[in-house]
């Protein structure tokens, strides 16, 4: 069985987010590793938005095959040394699934596409 999920968001949604003013919101969605990576950039909004899209796409893909809600903070977007991205679940039982992820951002939009093989 294969399940897919996709999401697209406006980068403006995260433009004004800062660690100083929005840490509670950010830590509800993102892991420490993701926050560290995103805020290394001069403008973290595209990276934050792309990772948010990935989490939303994962939740959509799993909606047909997993009977519980998956908190965004338990879905971590990681990068390989070659620059490709992958999902690390902080819910161990979800790591048994083969998940393929593609994310991208350009100007004012970010998008993510997820394929889950069961």
Protein backbone atom coordinates (compact mmCIF):
# COMPACT_ATOMS: atom_id res chain seq x y z
CA UNK A 1 0.00 0.00 0.00
CA UNK A 2 1.17 3.51 -0.80
CA UNK A 3 -0.14 6.71 0.74
CA UNK A 4 0.75 10.25 -0.31
CA UNK A 5 0.57 13.70 1.22
CA UNK A 6 1.30 17.15 -0.14
CA UNK A 7 1.23 20.66 1.29
CA UNK A 8 1.98 24.18 0.05
CA UNK A 9 2.21 27.28 2.23
CA UNK A 10 3.02 30.98 1.97
CA UNK A 11 6.44 31.77 3.38
CA UNK A 12 4.96 34.97 4.80
CA UNK A 13 3.32 32.80 7.44
CA UNK A 14 6.71 32.47 9.18
CA UNK A 15 8.38 35.77 8.20
CA UNK A 16 7.81 37.49 11.51
CA UNK A 17 8.60 34.49 13.72
CA UNK A 18 11.56 34.93 16.06
CA UNK A 19 12.99 32.78 18.84
CA UNK A 20 12.68 35.68 21.24
CA UNK A 21 8.96 36.31 20.66
CA UNK A 22 7.62 33.00 19.32
CA UNK A 23 9.57 30.21 21.03
CA UNK A 24 6.49 28.56 22.54
CA UNK A 25 4.82 28.40 19.12
CA UNK A 26 8.01 27.24 17.35
CA UNK A 27 8.79 24.47 19.85
CA UNK A 28 5.24 23.16 19.58
CA UNK A 29 5.90 22.49 15.88
CA UNK A 30 9.64 22.06 15.43
CA UNK A 31 12.38 20.04 17.11
CA UNK A 32 15.52 21.64 18.51
CA UNK A 33 17.55 20.34 15.55
CA UNK A 34 15.12 21.92 13.08
CA UNK A 35 15.11 25.24 14.93
CA UNK A 36 18.91 25.27 15.06
CA UNK A 37 19.14 24.56 11.32
CA UNK A 38 16.48 27.09 10.30
CA UNK A 39 17.80 29.94 12.42
CA UNK A 40 21.34 29.50 11.05
CA UNK A 41 20.05 31.22 7.93
CA UNK A 42 19.80 34.98 7.64
CA UNK A 43 16.13 34.50 6.76
CA UNK A 44 14.78 31.37 8.52
CA UNK A 45 11.24 31.72 7.13
CA UNK A 46 11.70 29.64 3.93
CA UNK A 47 13.31 26.79 5.88
CA UNK A 48 10.66 26.91 8.61
CA UNK A 49 7.86 26.95 6.05
CA UNK A 50 9.29 24.04 4.05
CA UNK A 51 9.62 21.95 7.22
CA UNK A 52 6.10 22.87 8.27
CA UNK A 53 4.87 21.72 4.85
CA UNK A 54 6.74 18.44 5.27
CA UNK A 55 5.10 17.81 8.64
CA UNK A 56 1.65 18.60 7.23
CA UNK A 57 2.27 16.31 4.24
CA UNK A 58 3.36 13.50 6.58
CA UNK A 59 0.22 13.89 8.68
CA UNK A 60 -1.92 13.78 5.53
CA UNK A 61 -0.12 10.70 4.20
CA UNK A 62 -0.53 8.86 7.50
CA UNK A 63 -4.19 9.83 7.96
CA UNK A 64 -5.29 6.69 6.09
CA UNK A 65 -2.85 4.24 7.68
CA UNK A 66 -2.26 5.36 11.27
CA UNK A 67 -5.14 5.58 13.72
CA UNK A 68 -3.66 8.24 16.02
CA UNK A 69 -2.79 11.88 15.68
CA UNK A 70 0.87 12.59 14.97
CA UNK A 71 2.13 15.74 16.70
CA UNK A 72 4.25 17.93 14.41
CA UNK A 73 6.99 18.01 17.03
CA UNK A 74 7.35 14.22 16.66
CA UNK A 75 8.10 14.50 12.92
CA UNK A 76 11.64 15.73 12.32
CA UNK A 77 12.94 16.83 8.94
CA UNK A 78 16.64 15.98 8.65
CA UNK A 79 19.25 16.51 5.96
CA UNK A 80 21.72 13.99 4.58
CA UNK A 81 25.29 15.08 3.81
CA UNK A 82 24.36 15.22 0.13
CA UNK A 83 21.60 17.76 0.89
CA UNK A 84 18.63 15.44 0.46
CA UNK A 85 15.99 15.47 3.18
CA UNK A 86 14.37 12.66 5.10
CA UNK A 87 11.94 12.15 7.96
CA UNK A 88 12.99 10.96 11.40
CA UNK A 89 10.03 10.06 13.60
CA UNK A 90 10.30 10.62 17.32
CA UNK A 91 7.54 8.00 17.70
CA UNK A 92 9.53 4.79 17.30
CA UNK A 93 6.73 2.68 15.79
CA UNK A 94 6.49 5.05 12.81
CA UNK A 95 10.12 4.49 11.81
CA UNK A 96 9.12 1.09 10.41
CA UNK A 97 7.50 2.84 7.42
CA UNK A 98 9.46 3.74 4.31
CA UNK A 99 8.88 7.48 3.85
CA UNK A 100 10.15 9.50 0.88
CA UNK A 101 10.16 13.28 1.16
CA UNK A 102 10.75 16.14 -1.24
CA UNK A 103 10.64 19.79 -0.16
CA UNK A 104 11.26 23.04 -2.00
CA UNK A 105 10.82 26.77 -1.56
CA UNK A 106 10.93 29.67 -3.98
CA UNK A 107 10.21 33.38 -3.42
CA UNK A 108 6.90 33.31 -1.52
CA UNK A 109 5.89 29.61 -1.43
CA UNK A 110 7.15 26.36 0.06
CA UNK A 111 5.95 22.87 -0.82
CA UNK A 112 6.45 19.31 0.39
CA UNK A 113 5.49 15.95 -1.06
CA UNK A 114 5.55 12.69 0.91
CA UNK A 115 5.15 9.06 -0.16
CA UNK A 116 4.68 6.39 2.50
CA UNK A 117 5.11 2.71 1.66
CA UNK A 118 3.39 0.28 4.01
